[in-house]
C-alpha atoms as a PDB file:
ATOM      1  CA  UNK A   1      95.583  96.884 105.957  1.00  0.00           C
ATOM      2  CA  UNK A   2      99.244  96.008 106.221  1.00  0.00           C
ATOM      3  CA  UNK A   3     101.107  97.672 109.103  1.00  0.00           C
ATOM      4  CA  UNK A   4     104.905  97.698 109.170  1.00  0.00           C
ATOM      5  CA  UNK A   5     106.533  95.160 106.850  1.00  0.00           C
ATOM      6  CA  UNK A   6     110.037  94.199 105.717  1.00  0.00           C
ATOM      7  CA  UNK A   7     111.523  94.931 102.287  1.00  0.00           C
ATOM      8  CA  UNK A   8     114.856  93.881 100.740  1.00  0.00           C
ATOM      9  CA  UNK A   9     117.843  96.182 101.047  1.00  0.00           C
ATOM     10  CA  UNK A  10     119.656  95.475  97.788  1.00  0.00           C
ATOM     11  CA  UNK A  11     121.792  98.271  96.295  1.00  0.00           C
ATOM     12  CA  UNK A  12     122.941  95.468  93.986  1.00  0.00           C
ATOM     13  CA  UNK A  13     121.013  92.225  93.358  1.00  0.00           C
ATOM     14  CA  UNK A  14     121.299  89.566  96.047  1.00  0.00           C
ATOM     15  CA  UNK A  15     122.533  86.445  94.216  1.00  0.00           C
ATOM     16  CA  UNK A  16     122.635  82.762  95.152  1.00  0.00           C
ATOM     17  CA  UNK A  17     123.317  79.604  93.136  1.00  0.00           C
ATOM     18  CA  UNK A  18     121.913  76.094  93.334  1.00  0.00           C
ATOM     19  CA  UNK A  19     122.692  72.953  91.309  1.00  0.00           C
ATOM     20  CA  UNK A  20     120.152  70.160  90.952  1.00  0.00           C
ATOM     21  CA  UNK A  21     120.882  67.170  88.687  1.00  0.00           C
ATOM     22  CA  UNK A  22     123.420  69.212  86.737  1.00  0.00           C
ATOM     23  CA  UNK A  23     120.962  72.057  86.068  1.00  0.00           C
ATOM     24  CA  UNK A  24     122.189  75.363  87.426  1.00  0.00           C
ATOM     25  CA  UNK A  25     119.719  77.742  89.075  1.00  0.00           C
ATOM     26  CA  UNK A  26     120.917  81.300  89.737  1.00  0.00           C
ATOM     27  CA  UNK A  27     118.579  83.409  91.865  1.00  0.00           C
ATOM     28  CA  UNK A  28     118.545  87.199  91.756  1.00  0.00           C
ATOM     29  CA  UNK A  29     116.611  89.100  94.431  1.00  0.00           C
ATOM     30  CA  UNK A  30     115.868  92.823  94.290  1.00  0.00           C
ATOM     31  CA  UNK A  31     113.552  95.505  95.596  1.00  0.00           C
ATOM     32  CA  UNK A  32     110.507  96.593  93.596  1.00  0.00           C
ATOM     33  CA  UNK A  33     108.301  99.354  94.972  1.00  0.00           C
ATOM     34  CA  UNK A  34     106.147  99.255  91.829  1.00  0.00           C
ATOM     35  CA  UNK A  35     105.524  97.240  88.666  1.00  0.00           C
ATOM     36  CA  UNK A  36     107.923  99.304  86.546  1.00  0.00           C
ATOM     37  CA  UNK A  37     110.801  98.662  88.972  1.00  0.00           C
ATOM     38  CA  UNK A  38     110.083  94.917  88.985  1.00  0.00           C
ATOM     39  CA  UNK A  39     110.012  94.680  85.207  1.00  0.00           C
ATOM     40  CA  UNK A  40     113.211  96.720  84.886  1.00  0.00           C
ATOM     41  CA  UNK A  41     114.929  94.331  87.313  1.00  0.00           C
ATOM     42  CA  UNK A  42     113.827  91.299  85.289  1.00  0.00           C
ATOM     43  CA  UNK A  43     115.104  92.880  82.059  1.00  0.00           C
ATOM     44  CA  UNK A  44     118.468  93.534  83.683  1.00  0.00           C
ATOM     45  CA  UNK A  45     118.793  89.858  84.655  1.00  0.00           C
ATOM     46  CA  UNK A  46     117.961  88.770  81.093  1.00  0.00           C
ATOM     47  CA  UNK A  47     120.681  91.086  79.811  1.00  0.00           C
ATOM     48  CA  UNK A  48     123.199  89.472  82.180  1.00  0.00           C
ATOM     49  CA  UNK A  49     122.292  85.960  80.967  1.00  0.00           C
ATOM     50  CA  UNK A  50     121.233  86.213  77.302  1.00  0.00           C
ATOM     51  CA  UNK A  51     122.143  82.552  76.665  1.00  0.00           C
ATOM     52  CA  UNK A  52     120.068  81.124  79.523  1.00  0.00           C
ATOM     53  CA  UNK A  53     117.354  78.681  78.519  1.00  0.00           C
ATOM     54  CA  UNK A  54     114.898  80.077  81.082  1.00  0.00           C
ATOM     55  CA  UNK A  55     114.645  83.235  83.206  1.00  0.00           C
ATOM     56  CA  UNK A  56     111.597  82.669  85.397  1.00  0.00           C
ATOM     57  CA  UNK A  57     110.361  85.351  87.752  1.00  0.00           C
ATOM     58  CA  UNK A  58     107.850  86.527  90.333  1.00  0.00           C
ATOM     59  CA  UNK A  59     107.259  89.747  92.203  1.00  0.00           C
ATOM     60  CA  UNK A  60     105.158  91.515  94.816  1.00  0.00           C
ATOM     61  CA  UNK A  61     105.419  95.195  93.896  1.00  0.00           C
ATOM     62  CA  UNK A  62     104.283  96.883  97.095  1.00  0.00           C
ATOM     63  CA  UNK A  63     103.097  95.839 100.542  1.00  0.00           C
ATOM     64  CA  UNK A  64     102.681  92.078 101.098  1.00  0.00           C
ATOM     65  CA  UNK A  65      98.890  92.369 100.692  1.00  0.00           C
ATOM     66  CA  UNK A  66      99.031  94.313  97.422  1.00  0.00           C
ATOM     67  CA  UNK A  67      97.318  92.974  94.319  1.00  0.00           C
ATOM     68  CA  UNK A  68     100.240  94.227  92.196  1.00  0.00           C
ATOM     69  CA  UNK A  69     101.999  90.882  91.755  1.00  0.00           C
ATOM     70  CA  UNK A  70     102.881  88.685  88.808  1.00  0.00           C
ATOM     71  CA  UNK A  71     104.914  85.661  87.714  1.00  0.00           C
ATOM     72  CA  UNK A  72     106.211  83.835  84.643  1.00  0.00           C
ATOM     73  CA  UNK A  73     107.283  80.277  83.798  1.00  0.00           C
ATOM     74  CA  UNK A  74     109.291  81.613  80.816  1.00  0.00           C
ATOM     75  CA  UNK A  75     109.017  78.429  78.784  1.00  0.00           C
ATOM     76  CA  UNK A  76     109.044  75.919  81.621  1.00  0.00           C
ATOM     77  CA  UNK A  77     105.930  73.678  81.828  1.00  0.00           C
ATOM     78  CA  UNK A  78     102.937  75.685  83.035  1.00  0.00           C
ATOM     79  CA  UNK A  79     102.795  76.090  86.813  1.00  0.00           C
ATOM     80  CA  UNK A  80     106.249  74.654  87.499  1.00  0.00           C
ATOM     81  CA  UNK A  81     108.248  77.861  88.067  1.00  0.00           C
ATOM     82  CA  UNK A  82     106.459  81.198  88.442  1.00  0.00           C
ATOM     83  CA  UNK A  83     103.664  79.966  90.690  1.00  0.00           C
ATOM     84  CA  UNK A  84     105.863  78.126  93.225  1.00  0.00           C
ATOM     85  CA  UNK A  85     108.226  81.105  93.238  1.00  0.00           C
ATOM     86  CA  UNK A  86     105.378  83.521  93.978  1.00  0.00           C
ATOM     87  CA  UNK A  87     104.050  81.249  96.735  1.00  0.00           C
ATOM     88  CA  UNK A  88     107.417  81.398  98.489  1.00  0.00           C
ATOM     89  CA  UNK A  89     107.327  85.195  98.314  1.00  0.00           C
ATOM     90  CA  UNK A  90     103.769  85.318  99.645  1.00  0.00           C
ATOM     91  CA  UNK A  91     104.674  83.120 102.607  1.00  0.00           C
ATOM     92  CA  UNK A  92     107.825  85.129 103.341  1.00  0.00           C
ATOM     93  CA  UNK A  93     105.872  88.164 104.549  1.00  0.00           C
ATOM     94  CA  UNK A  94     108.179  90.432 102.541  1.00  0.00           C
ATOM     95  CA  UNK A  95     106.978  93.296 100.384  1.00  0.00           C
ATOM     96  CA  UNK A  96     108.449  95.259  97.476  1.00  0.00           C
ATOM     97  CA  UNK A  97     110.336  92.193  96.284  1.00  0.00           C
ATOM     98  CA  UNK A  98     111.210  90.706  92.901  1.00  0.00           C
ATOM     99  CA  UNK A  99     113.026  87.445  92.176  1.00  0.00           C
ATOM    100  CA  UNK A 100     114.337  86.095  88.875  1.00  0.00           C
ATOM    101  CA  UNK A 101     115.747  82.568  88.593  1.00  0.00           C
ATOM    102  CA  UNK A 102     118.058  81.832  85.677  1.00  0.00           C
ATOM    103  CA  UNK A 103     118.197  78.173  84.693  1.00  0.00           C
ATOM    104  CA  UNK A 104     120.925  76.526  82.641  1.00  0.00           C
ATOM    105  CA  UNK A 105     119.708  73.052  81.643  1.00  0.00           C
ATOM    106  CA  UNK A 106     122.085  70.265  82.655  1.00  0.00           C
ATOM    107  CA  UNK A 107     120.740  67.551  80.345  1.00  0.00           C
ATOM    108  CA  UNK A 108     118.650  65.688  82.933  1.00  0.00           C
ATOM    109  CA  UNK A 109     114.900  66.360  82.978  1.00  0.00           C
ATOM    110  CA  UNK A 110     113.522  67.090  86.449  1.00  0.00           C
ATOM    111  CA  UNK A 111     109.846  66.418  85.785  1.00  0.00           C
ATOM    112  CA  UNK A 112     106.944  68.622  86.855  1.00  0.00           C
ATOM    113  CA  UNK A 113     107.283  67.969  90.574  1.00  0.00           C
ATOM    114  CA  UNK A 114     111.044  68.250  90.421  1.00  0.00           C
ATOM    115  CA  UNK A 115     110.855  71.629  88.726  1.00  0.00           C
ATOM    116  CA  UNK A 116     108.370  72.959  91.270  1.00  0.00           C
ATOM    117  CA  UNK A 117     110.625  71.885  94.120  1.00  0.00           C
ATOM    118  CA  UNK A 118     113.723  73.240  92.392  1.00  0.00           C
ATOM    119  CA  UNK A 119     112.322  76.713  91.775  1.00  0.00           C
ATOM    120  CA  UNK A 120     110.847  76.874  95.279  1.00  0.00           C
ATOM    121  CA  UNK A 121     114.179  75.842  96.778  1.00  0.00           C
ATOM    122  CA  UNK A 122     116.045  78.349  94.606  1.00  0.00           C
ATOM    123  CA  UNK A 123     113.913  81.212  95.919  1.00  0.00           C
ATOM    124  CA  UNK A 124     114.052  79.996  99.517  1.00  0.00           C
ATOM    125  CA  UNK A 125     117.842  79.890  99.285  1.00  0.00           C
ATOM    126  CA  UNK A 126     117.832  83.317  97.664  1.00  0.00           C
ATOM    127  CA  UNK A 127     115.964  84.762 100.643  1.00  0.00           C
ATOM    128  CA  UNK A 128     118.478  83.359 103.131  1.00  0.00           C
ATOM    129  CA  UNK A 129     120.765  86.024 104.572  1.00  0.00           C
ATOM    130  CA  UNK A 130     118.836  88.674 102.640  1.00  0.00           C
ATOM    131  CA  UNK A 131     119.269  92.098 104.227  1.00  0.00           C
ATOM    132  CA  UNK A 132     115.938  93.801 104.938  1.00  0.00           C
ATOM    133  CA  UNK A 133     114.592  96.973 106.484  1.00  0.00           C
ATOM    134  CA  UNK A 134     111.235  97.955 107.916  1.00  0.00           C
ATOM    135  CA  UNK A 135     108.796  99.878 105.750  1.00  0.00           C
ATOM    136  CA  UNK A 136     105.874 101.944 107.040  1.00  0.00           C
ATOM    137  CA  UNK A 137     102.927 102.007 104.598  1.00  0.00           C
ATOM    138  CA  UNK A 138     102.319 105.558 103.385  1.00  0.00           C
ATOM    139  CA  UNK A 139      99.723 107.484 101.411  1.00  0.00           C
ATOM    140  CA  UNK A 140     100.580 110.304  99.009  1.00  0.00           C
ATOM    141  CA  UNK A 141      98.675 113.552  99.613  1.00  0.00           C
ATOM    142  CA  UNK A 142      98.713 116.887  97.825  1.00  0.00           C
ATOM    143  CA  UNK A 143      98.134 120.081  99.820  1.00  0.00           C
ATOM    144  CA  UNK A 144      97.109 123.374  98.233  1.00  0.00           C
ATOM    145  CA  UNK A 145      97.023 126.551 100.320  1.00  0.00           C
ATOM    146  CA  UNK A 146      97.746 130.280 100.443  1.00  0.00           C
ATOM    147  CA  UNK A 147     101.012 131.538 101.879  1.00  0.00           C
ATOM    148  CA  UNK A 148      99.562 132.666 105.264  1.00  0.00           C
ATOM    149  CA  UNK A 149      98.867 128.960 106.007  1.00  0.00           C
ATOM    150  CA  UNK A 150     102.548 127.977 105.610  1.00  0.00           C
ATOM    151  CA  UNK A 151     103.322 128.128 109.341  1.00  0.00           C
ATOM    152  CA  UNK A 152     100.262 126.019 110.221  1.00  0.00           C
ATOM    153  CA  UNK A 153     101.164 123.367 107.661  1.00  0.00           C
ATOM    154  CA  UNK A 154     104.846 123.210 108.655  1.00  0.00           C
ATOM    155  CA  UNK A 155     103.954 122.902 112.327  1.00  0.00           C
ATOM    156  CA  UNK A 156     101.684 119.919 111.662  1.00  0.00           C
ATOM    157  CA  UNK A 157     104.253 118.240 109.418  1.00  0.00           C
ATOM    158  CA  UNK A 158     106.541 118.108 112.455  1.00  0.00           C
ATOM    159  CA  UNK A 159     103.823 116.493 114.583  1.00  0.00           C
ATOM    160  CA  UNK A 160     103.146 113.503 112.307  1.00  0.00           C
ATOM    161  CA  UNK A 161     105.111 110.936 110.310  1.00  0.00           C
ATOM    162  CA  UNK A 162     105.387 112.741 106.975  1.00  0.00           C
ATOM    163  CA  UNK A 163     107.896 113.150 104.144  1.00  0.00           C
ATOM    164  CA  UNK A 164     107.772 116.056 101.693  1.00  0.00           C
ATOM    165  CA  UNK A 165     108.326 114.910  98.087  1.00  0.00           C
ATOM    166  CA  UNK A 166     108.261 118.328  96.446  1.00  0.00           C
ATOM    167  CA  UNK A 167     106.814 121.791  96.961  1.00  0.00           C
ATOM    168  CA  UNK A 168     105.890 124.378  94.316  1.00  0.00           C
ATOM    169  CA  UNK A 169     105.586 128.038  95.248  1.00  0.00           C
ATOM    170  CA  UNK A 170     103.383 129.724  92.661  1.00  0.00           C
ATOM    171  CA  UNK A 171     100.246 131.828  93.181  1.00  0.00           C
ATOM    172  CA  UNK A 172      99.473 129.268  95.904  1.00  0.00           C
ATOM    173  CA  UNK A 173     101.636 126.655  97.568  1.00  0.00           C
ATOM    174  CA  UNK A 174     101.261 123.120  96.202  1.00  0.00           C
ATOM    175  CA  UNK A 175     102.955 120.444  98.310  1.00  0.00           C
ATOM    176  CA  UNK A 176     103.167 116.708  97.596  1.00  0.00           C
ATOM    177  CA  UNK A 177     103.983 114.569 100.614  1.00  0.00           C
ATOM    178  CA  UNK A 178     103.819 111.066 102.018  1.00  0.00           C
ATOM    179  CA  UNK A 179     102.069 110.445 105.330  1.00  0.00           C
ATOM    180  CA  UNK A 180     102.072 107.187 107.290  1.00  0.00           C
ATOM    181  CA  UNK A 181      98.774 105.358 106.843  1.00  0.00           C
ATOM    182  CA  UNK A 182      98.447 105.165 110.622  1.00  0.00           C
ATOM    183  CA  UNK A 183      98.622 108.986 110.846  1.00  0.00           C
ATOM    184  CA  UNK A 184      96.675 109.949 107.719  1.00  0.00           C
ATOM    185  CA  UNK A 185      93.211 110.383 109.213  1.00  0.00           C
ATOM    186  CA  UNK A 186      94.423 112.328 112.268  1.00  0.00           C
ATOM    187  CA  UNK A 187      96.752 114.469 110.147  1.00  0.00           C
ATOM    188  CA  UNK A 188      94.019 115.473 107.686  1.00  0.00           C
ATOM    189  CA  UNK A 189      91.595 116.229 110.517  1.00  0.00           C
ATOM    190  CA  UNK A 190      94.142 118.370 112.362  1.00  0.00           C
ATOM    191  CA  UNK A 191      95.054 120.184 109.167  1.00  0.00           C
ATOM    192  CA  UNK A 192      91.414 120.962 108.409  1.00  0.00           C
ATOM    193  CA  UNK A 193      90.660 122.087 111.953  1.00  0.00           C
ATOM    194  CA  UNK A 194      93.742 124.237 112.494  1.00  0.00           C
ATOM    195  CA  UNK A 195      93.517 125.918 109.094  1.00  0.00           C
ATOM    196  CA  UNK A 196      89.784 126.435 109.288  1.00  0.00           C
ATOM    197  CA  UNK A 197      89.432 124.524 106.031  1.00  0.00           C
ATOM    198  CA  UNK A 198      91.818 126.882 104.223  1.00  0.00           C
ATOM    199  CA  UNK A 199      94.132 124.024 103.218  1.00  0.00           C
ATOM    200  CA  UNK A 200      92.819 121.852 100.383  1.00  0.00           C
ATOM    201  CA  UNK A 201      93.784 118.198 100.747  1.00  0.00           C
ATOM    202  CA  UNK A 202      93.761 116.029  97.620  1.00  0.00           C
ATOM    203  CA  UNK A 203      93.815 112.314  98.402  1.00  0.00           C
ATOM    204  CA  UNK A 204      94.523 109.503  95.893  1.00  0.00           C
ATOM    205  CA  UNK A 205      91.626 107.882  94.055  1.00  0.00           C
ATOM    206  CA  UNK A 206      90.858 104.508  95.611  1.00  0.00           C
ATOM    207  CA  UNK A 207      90.979 101.329  93.483  1.00  0.00           C
ATOM    208  CA  UNK A 208      92.851 103.140  90.740  1.00  0.00           C
ATOM    209  CA  UNK A 209      93.983 100.822  87.939  1.00  0.00           C
ATOM    210  CA  UNK A 210      97.659 100.022  87.946  1.00  0.00           C
END
């Protein structure tokens, strides 16, 4: 399981440009915590460059060891763009990252090997000077309990690395929160013990399809 990892800090896309044999490669780097965010980023790059011959892309939408990753050659010869781009991302150790490389053809063919090197270099350059921050892997939990348990729950939230996403106060309290993976087991055990089992903990289904 991945421990702490780095993710891009990109309020706006991080952009770099590279010219190889008159072809222009423009690399856009962004953050993608999930597949939807990655695909939205790629669409935004296409909208910025509607005349580009190719907009190739790759992403790792989650922790570096996630299986939620994808790539596209977008019309370049198979295996010459998306795959080398994704390999650079995998070797970078970064998570929650998406890259899109816009290519404007300069009239000189680069060949299969030349394209692979060009797209790899474009991504490597795009990752240079990229601002990042540390991310702690978290699991989403839902707690359901009666109002007398509120003090117990709030006390334990202060003892562990947790973030409340939202809380509904109806007939019972229903709280959605994120807890650091490293604290999850101890937090759930403490919650069960100190509440005498009065707090229901709903954990995510493992191996759920994306």
